[in-house]
Amino acid sequence: MKETIVLLLGLIFLSHSCLAEPSRKLAANSIEDVKTTEGQVEETSEGSEASAVMKISKGLGFKLSPLAIQTLNLRFAPIHEDSEIHTLSRSALVYYEDDVGVYRRRSGWFKLIKVHVLREAANTVEIQTKDMKTGDDVVVVGAALVHVADIEATGPGSHVQ
């Protein structure tokens, strides 16, 4: 019951901050260049202070406001080793199109990472991906709400890797 209430509150928050004025429209507020971890420069867009999505980057993903993270009651699992195989809570999985992914947070940027599910247990899954490293976090509670924010910020189909 508590999870349902948190989910509903999260959707209400997103509808008032993100959906009422989508970040695609807010993107015109501010454009800046950022250097990616690969040393390339790319353009990012910035939302208003009232929006859940604060910044959008084609390569890096998007940044959620601290208020959005708190309101959505997001919880994270840290990645402690540079490995392709990780064991996570089943709640981290996001099913989109014909794929499965998880939301990785790296330096504050959220990005949907495609994963291959190796094994499933009652509450955990073993996944494989080359797109996570030590210091990253994976959203394990609230991943569906992060996915809603992602779609609203970047549009459907824009997170295919």
C-alpha atoms as a PDB file:
ATOM      1  CA  MET A   1       0.000   0.000   0.000  1.00  0.00           C
ATOM      2  CA  LYS A   2       2.815   2.408   0.929  1.00  0.00           C
ATOM      3  CA  GLU A   3       4.527   1.736  -2.428  1.00  0.00           C
ATOM      4  CA  THR A   4       1.279   2.562  -4.254  1.00  0.00           C
ATOM      5  CA  ILE A   5       0.961   5.857  -2.383  1.00  0.00           C
ATOM      6  CA  VAL A   6       4.601   6.759  -3.142  1.00  0.00           C
ATOM      7  CA  LEU A   7       4.037   5.861  -6.807  1.00  0.00           C
ATOM      8  CA  LEU A   8       0.922   8.043  -6.985  1.00  0.00           C
ATOM      9  CA  LEU A   9       2.641  10.953  -5.240  1.00  0.00           C
ATOM     10  CA  GLY A  10       5.570  10.593  -7.621  1.00  0.00           C
ATOM     11  CA  LEU A  11       3.301  10.673 -10.659  1.00  0.00           C
ATOM     12  CA  ILE A  12       1.519  13.737  -9.295  1.00  0.00           C
ATOM     13  CA  PHE A  13       4.894  15.444  -8.760  1.00  0.00           C
ATOM     14  CA  LEU A  14       5.986  14.587 -12.287  1.00  0.00           C
ATOM     15  CA  SER A  15       2.712  15.773 -13.747  1.00  0.00           C
ATOM     16  CA  HIS A  16       3.079  19.161 -12.080  1.00  0.00           C
ATOM     17  CA  SER A  17       6.778  19.678 -12.668  1.00  0.00           C
ATOM     18  CA  CYS A  18       7.618  17.734 -15.797  1.00  0.00           C
ATOM     19  CA  LEU A  19       4.442  17.027 -17.686  1.00  0.00           C
ATOM     20  CA  ALA A  20       2.747  20.381 -17.238  1.00  0.00           C
ATOM     21  CA  GLU A  21       5.703  22.032 -18.915  1.00  0.00           C
ATOM     22  CA  PRO A  22       7.772  19.318 -20.605  1.00  0.00           C
ATOM     23  CA  SER A  23      11.532  19.713 -20.528  1.00  0.00           C
ATOM     24  CA  ARG A  24      11.535  19.586 -24.331  1.00  0.00           C
ATOM     25  CA  LYS A  25       9.908  23.017 -24.181  1.00  0.00           C
ATOM     26  CA  LEU A  26      12.065  24.099 -21.252  1.00  0.00           C
ATOM     27  CA  ALA A  27      15.159  23.158 -23.186  1.00  0.00           C
ATOM     28  CA  ALA A  28      15.057  26.531 -24.905  1.00  0.00           C
ATOM     29  CA  ASN A  29      15.737  28.208 -21.547  1.00  0.00           C
ATOM     30  CA  SER A  30      19.431  27.453 -21.513  1.00  0.00           C
ATOM     31  CA  ILE A  31      21.860  25.700 -23.818  1.00  0.00           C
ATOM     32  CA  GLU A  32      25.414  24.968 -22.741  1.00  0.00           C
ATOM     33  CA  ASP A  33      28.321  22.781 -23.732  1.00  0.00           C
ATOM     34  CA  VAL A  34      29.675  20.115 -21.411  1.00  0.00           C
ATOM     35  CA  LYS A  35      32.677  17.868 -21.760  1.00  0.00           C
ATOM     36  CA  THR A  36      31.817  14.187 -21.637  1.00  0.00           C
ATOM     37  CA  THR A  37      33.977  11.619 -19.883  1.00  0.00           C
ATOM     38  CA  GLU A  38      35.361  10.711 -23.305  1.00  0.00           C
ATOM     39  CA  GLY A  39      36.583  14.292 -23.753  1.00  0.00           C
ATOM     40  CA  GLN A  40      34.015  15.195 -26.400  1.00  0.00           C
ATOM     41  CA  VAL A  41      32.027  18.406 -26.130  1.00  0.00           C
ATOM     42  CA  GLU A  42      28.282  18.164 -26.534  1.00  0.00           C
ATOM     43  CA  GLU A  43      25.313  20.453 -26.151  1.00  0.00           C
ATOM     44  CA  THR A  44      22.970  20.131 -23.180  1.00  0.00           C
ATOM     45  CA  SER A  45      19.627  21.746 -22.406  1.00  0.00           C
ATOM     46  CA  GLU A  46      18.558  23.031 -19.043  1.00  0.00           C
ATOM     47  CA  GLY A  47      15.058  23.071 -17.577  1.00  0.00           C
ATOM     48  CA  SER A  48      13.552  25.577 -15.197  1.00  0.00           C
ATOM     49  CA  GLU A  49      14.121  25.372 -11.449  1.00  0.00           C
ATOM     50  CA  ALA A  50      10.551  24.108 -11.022  1.00  0.00           C
ATOM     51  CA  SER A  51      10.983  21.104 -13.299  1.00  0.00           C
ATOM     52  CA  ALA A  52      11.876  17.590 -12.194  1.00  0.00           C
ATOM     53  CA  VAL A  53      14.378  17.274 -15.055  1.00  0.00           C
ATOM     54  CA  MET A  54      17.082  19.896 -14.656  1.00  0.00           C
ATOM     55  CA  LYS A  55      19.379  19.104 -17.599  1.00  0.00           C
ATOM     56  CA  ILE A  56      19.263  16.920 -20.695  1.00  0.00           C
ATOM     57  CA  SER A  57      22.257  15.668 -22.660  1.00  0.00           C
ATOM     58  CA  LYS A  58      22.042  13.412 -25.674  1.00  0.00           C
ATOM     59  CA  GLY A  59      25.105  11.413 -24.606  1.00  0.00           C
ATOM     60  CA  LEU A  60      25.044  11.713 -20.812  1.00  0.00           C
ATOM     61  CA  GLY A  61      21.300  11.374 -20.156  1.00  0.00           C
ATOM     62  CA  PHE A  62      19.425  13.717 -17.862  1.00  0.00           C
ATOM     63  CA  LYS A  63      19.723  15.211 -14.382  1.00  0.00           C
ATOM     64  CA  LEU A  64      16.864  15.152 -11.905  1.00  0.00           C
ATOM     65  CA  SER A  65      16.473  17.886  -9.319  1.00  0.00           C
ATOM     66  CA  PRO A  66      17.225  16.960  -5.699  1.00  0.00           C
ATOM     67  CA  LEU A  67      13.554  17.641  -4.927  1.00  0.00           C
ATOM     68  CA  ALA A  68      12.481  15.168  -7.637  1.00  0.00           C
ATOM     69  CA  ILE A  69      14.815  12.491  -6.257  1.00  0.00           C
ATOM     70  CA  GLN A  70      13.428  13.047  -2.762  1.00  0.00           C
ATOM     71  CA  THR A  71       9.765  13.253  -3.821  1.00  0.00           C
ATOM     72  CA  LEU A  72      10.004  10.146  -5.988  1.00  0.00           C
ATOM     73  CA  ASN A  73      11.642   8.359  -3.043  1.00  0.00           C
ATOM     74  CA  LEU A  74      14.374   6.978  -5.302  1.00  0.00           C
ATOM     75  CA  ARG A  75      16.786   4.426  -3.849  1.00  0.00           C
ATOM     76  CA  PHE A  76      20.090   3.355  -5.346  1.00  0.00           C
ATOM     77  CA  ALA A  77      22.462   0.397  -5.304  1.00  0.00           C
ATOM     78  CA  PRO A  78      26.123   1.348  -5.706  1.00  0.00           C
ATOM     79  CA  ILE A  79      28.358  -0.426  -8.205  1.00  0.00           C
ATOM     80  CA  HIS A  80      31.519  -1.474  -6.361  1.00  0.00           C
ATOM     81  CA  GLU A  81      33.525  -3.156  -9.088  1.00  0.00           C
ATOM     82  CA  ASP A  82      34.341  -2.792 -12.755  1.00  0.00           C
ATOM     83  CA  SER A  83      32.622  -5.924 -13.966  1.00  0.00           C
ATOM     84  CA  GLU A  84      30.165  -6.748 -16.713  1.00  0.00           C
ATOM     85  CA  ILE A  85      28.026  -8.862 -14.349  1.00  0.00           C
ATOM     86  CA  HIS A  86      26.031  -7.387 -11.464  1.00  0.00           C
ATOM     87  CA  THR A  87      23.370  -8.685  -9.064  1.00  0.00           C
ATOM     88  CA  LEU A  88      20.555  -6.207  -8.440  1.00  0.00           C
ATOM     89  CA  SER A  89      17.050  -6.052  -7.063  1.00  0.00           C
ATOM     90  CA  ARG A  90      14.398  -7.095  -9.615  1.00  0.00           C
ATOM     91  CA  SER A  91      12.786  -3.698  -9.039  1.00  0.00           C
ATOM     92  CA  ALA A  92      15.694  -2.072 -10.911  1.00  0.00           C
ATOM     93  CA  LEU A  93      14.573  -3.561 -14.237  1.00  0.00           C
ATOM     94  CA  VAL A  94      12.768  -1.390 -16.760  1.00  0.00           C
ATOM     95  CA  TYR A  95      11.070  -3.043 -19.718  1.00  0.00           C
ATOM     96  CA  TYR A  96      10.938  -0.827 -22.806  1.00  0.00           C
ATOM     97  CA  GLU A  97      10.223  -1.608 -26.428  1.00  0.00           C
ATOM     98  CA  ASP A  98      11.635  -5.160 -26.782  1.00  0.00           C
ATOM     99  CA  ASP A  99      14.501  -4.612 -24.352  1.00  0.00           C
ATOM    100  CA  VAL A 100      15.335  -4.603 -20.648  1.00  0.00           C
ATOM    101  CA  GLY A 101      17.395  -1.934 -18.948  1.00  0.00           C
ATOM    102  CA  VAL A 102      18.303  -0.239 -15.699  1.00  0.00           C
ATOM    103  CA  TYR A 103      18.766   3.415 -14.860  1.00  0.00           C
ATOM    104  CA  ARG A 104      22.388   4.177 -14.112  1.00  0.00           C
ATOM    105  CA  ARG A 105      23.344   7.362 -12.244  1.00  0.00           C
ATOM    106  CA  ARG A 106      26.850   8.587 -13.014  1.00  0.00           C
ATOM    107  CA  SER A 107      28.010  11.960 -11.709  1.00  0.00           C
ATOM    108  CA  GLY A 108      24.357  12.947 -11.274  1.00  0.00           C
ATOM    109  CA  TRP A 109      23.350  11.983 -14.830  1.00  0.00           C
ATOM    110  CA  PHE A 110      20.634   9.322 -15.224  1.00  0.00           C
ATOM    111  CA  LYS A 111      20.755   7.108 -18.292  1.00  0.00           C
ATOM    112  CA  LEU A 112      18.811   4.028 -19.340  1.00  0.00           C
ATOM    113  CA  ILE A 113      21.328   1.246 -19.892  1.00  0.00           C
ATOM    114  CA  LYS A 114      20.366  -1.823 -21.888  1.00  0.00           C
ATOM    115  CA  VAL A 115      21.143  -5.022 -19.988  1.00  0.00           C
ATOM    116  CA  HIS A 116      21.031  -8.742 -20.627  1.00  0.00           C
ATOM    117  CA  VAL A 117      19.348 -10.733 -17.852  1.00  0.00           C
ATOM    118  CA  LEU A 118      21.462 -13.804 -17.061  1.00  0.00           C
ATOM    119  CA  ARG A 119      19.560 -15.236 -14.066  1.00  0.00           C
ATOM    120  CA  GLU A 120      16.423 -14.407 -12.155  1.00  0.00           C
ATOM    121  CA  ALA A 121      15.625 -15.230  -8.531  1.00  0.00           C
ATOM    122  CA  ALA A 122      12.661 -14.289  -6.352  1.00  0.00           C
ATOM    123  CA  ASN A 123      13.920 -10.784  -5.521  1.00  0.00           C
ATOM    124  CA  THR A 124      17.142 -10.386  -7.476  1.00  0.00           C
ATOM    125  CA  VAL A 125      18.464 -10.605 -11.017  1.00  0.00           C
ATOM    126  CA  GLU A 126      21.925 -11.103 -12.403  1.00  0.00           C
ATOM    127  CA  ILE A 127      22.510  -8.771 -15.336  1.00  0.00           C
ATOM    128  CA  GLN A 128      25.279  -8.205 -17.838  1.00  0.00           C
ATOM    129  CA  THR A 129      26.278  -4.870 -19.328  1.00  0.00           C
ATOM    130  CA  LYS A 130      29.470  -3.104 -20.356  1.00  0.00           C
ATOM    131  CA  ASP A 131      28.044   0.303 -19.438  1.00  0.00           C
ATOM    132  CA  MET A 132      28.610   0.397 -15.672  1.00  0.00           C
ATOM    133  CA  LYS A 133      31.713   1.000 -13.609  1.00  0.00           C
ATOM    134  CA  THR A 134      32.801   1.531 -10.024  1.00  0.00           C
ATOM    135  CA  GLY A 135      31.178   4.648  -8.594  1.00  0.00           C
ATOM    136  CA  ASP A 136      27.964   4.343 -10.623  1.00  0.00           C
ATOM    137  CA  ASP A 137      24.613   3.840  -8.905  1.00  0.00           C
ATOM    138  CA  VAL A 138      21.604   1.925 -10.196  1.00  0.00           C
ATOM    139  CA  VAL A 139      18.031   2.994  -9.382  1.00  0.00           C
ATOM    140  CA  VAL A 140      16.515   0.068  -7.477  1.00  0.00           C
ATOM    141  CA  VAL A 141      13.395   1.790  -6.124  1.00  0.00           C
ATOM    142  CA  GLY A 142      11.459   4.157  -8.378  1.00  0.00           C
ATOM    143  CA  ALA A 143      12.891   3.045 -11.714  1.00  0.00           C
ATOM    144  CA  ALA A 144       9.454   3.190 -13.370  1.00  0.00           C
ATOM    145  CA  LEU A 145       9.043   6.817 -12.278  1.00  0.00           C
ATOM    146  CA  VAL A 146      12.511   7.685 -13.579  1.00  0.00           C
ATOM    147  CA  HIS A 147      11.464   6.100 -16.874  1.00  0.00           C
ATOM    148  CA  VAL A 148       8.373   8.349 -16.997  1.00  0.00           C
ATOM    149  CA  ALA A 149      10.577  11.409 -16.395  1.00  0.00           C
ATOM    150  CA  ASP A 150      12.997  10.205 -19.091  1.00  0.00           C
ATOM    151  CA  ILE A 151      10.250   9.788 -21.673  1.00  0.00           C
ATOM    152  CA  GLU A 152       8.764  13.178 -20.843  1.00  0.00           C
ATOM    153  CA  ALA A 153      12.156  14.881 -20.976  1.00  0.00           C
ATOM    154  CA  THR A 154      13.591  13.257 -24.067  1.00  0.00           C
ATOM    155  CA  GLY A 155      10.619  11.796 -25.916  1.00  0.00           C
ATOM    156  CA  PRO A 156       9.732   8.163 -26.599  1.00  0.00           C
ATOM    157  CA  GLY A 157      12.307   6.058 -28.391  1.00  0.00           C
ATOM    158  CA  SER A 158      15.181   8.444 -27.711  1.00  0.00           C
ATOM    159  CA  HIS A 159      16.987   6.150 -25.273  1.00  0.00           C
ATOM    160  CA  VAL A 160      17.752   3.306 -27.631  1.00  0.00           C
ATOM    161  CA  GLN A 161      21.499   2.675 -27.562  1.00  0.00           C
END
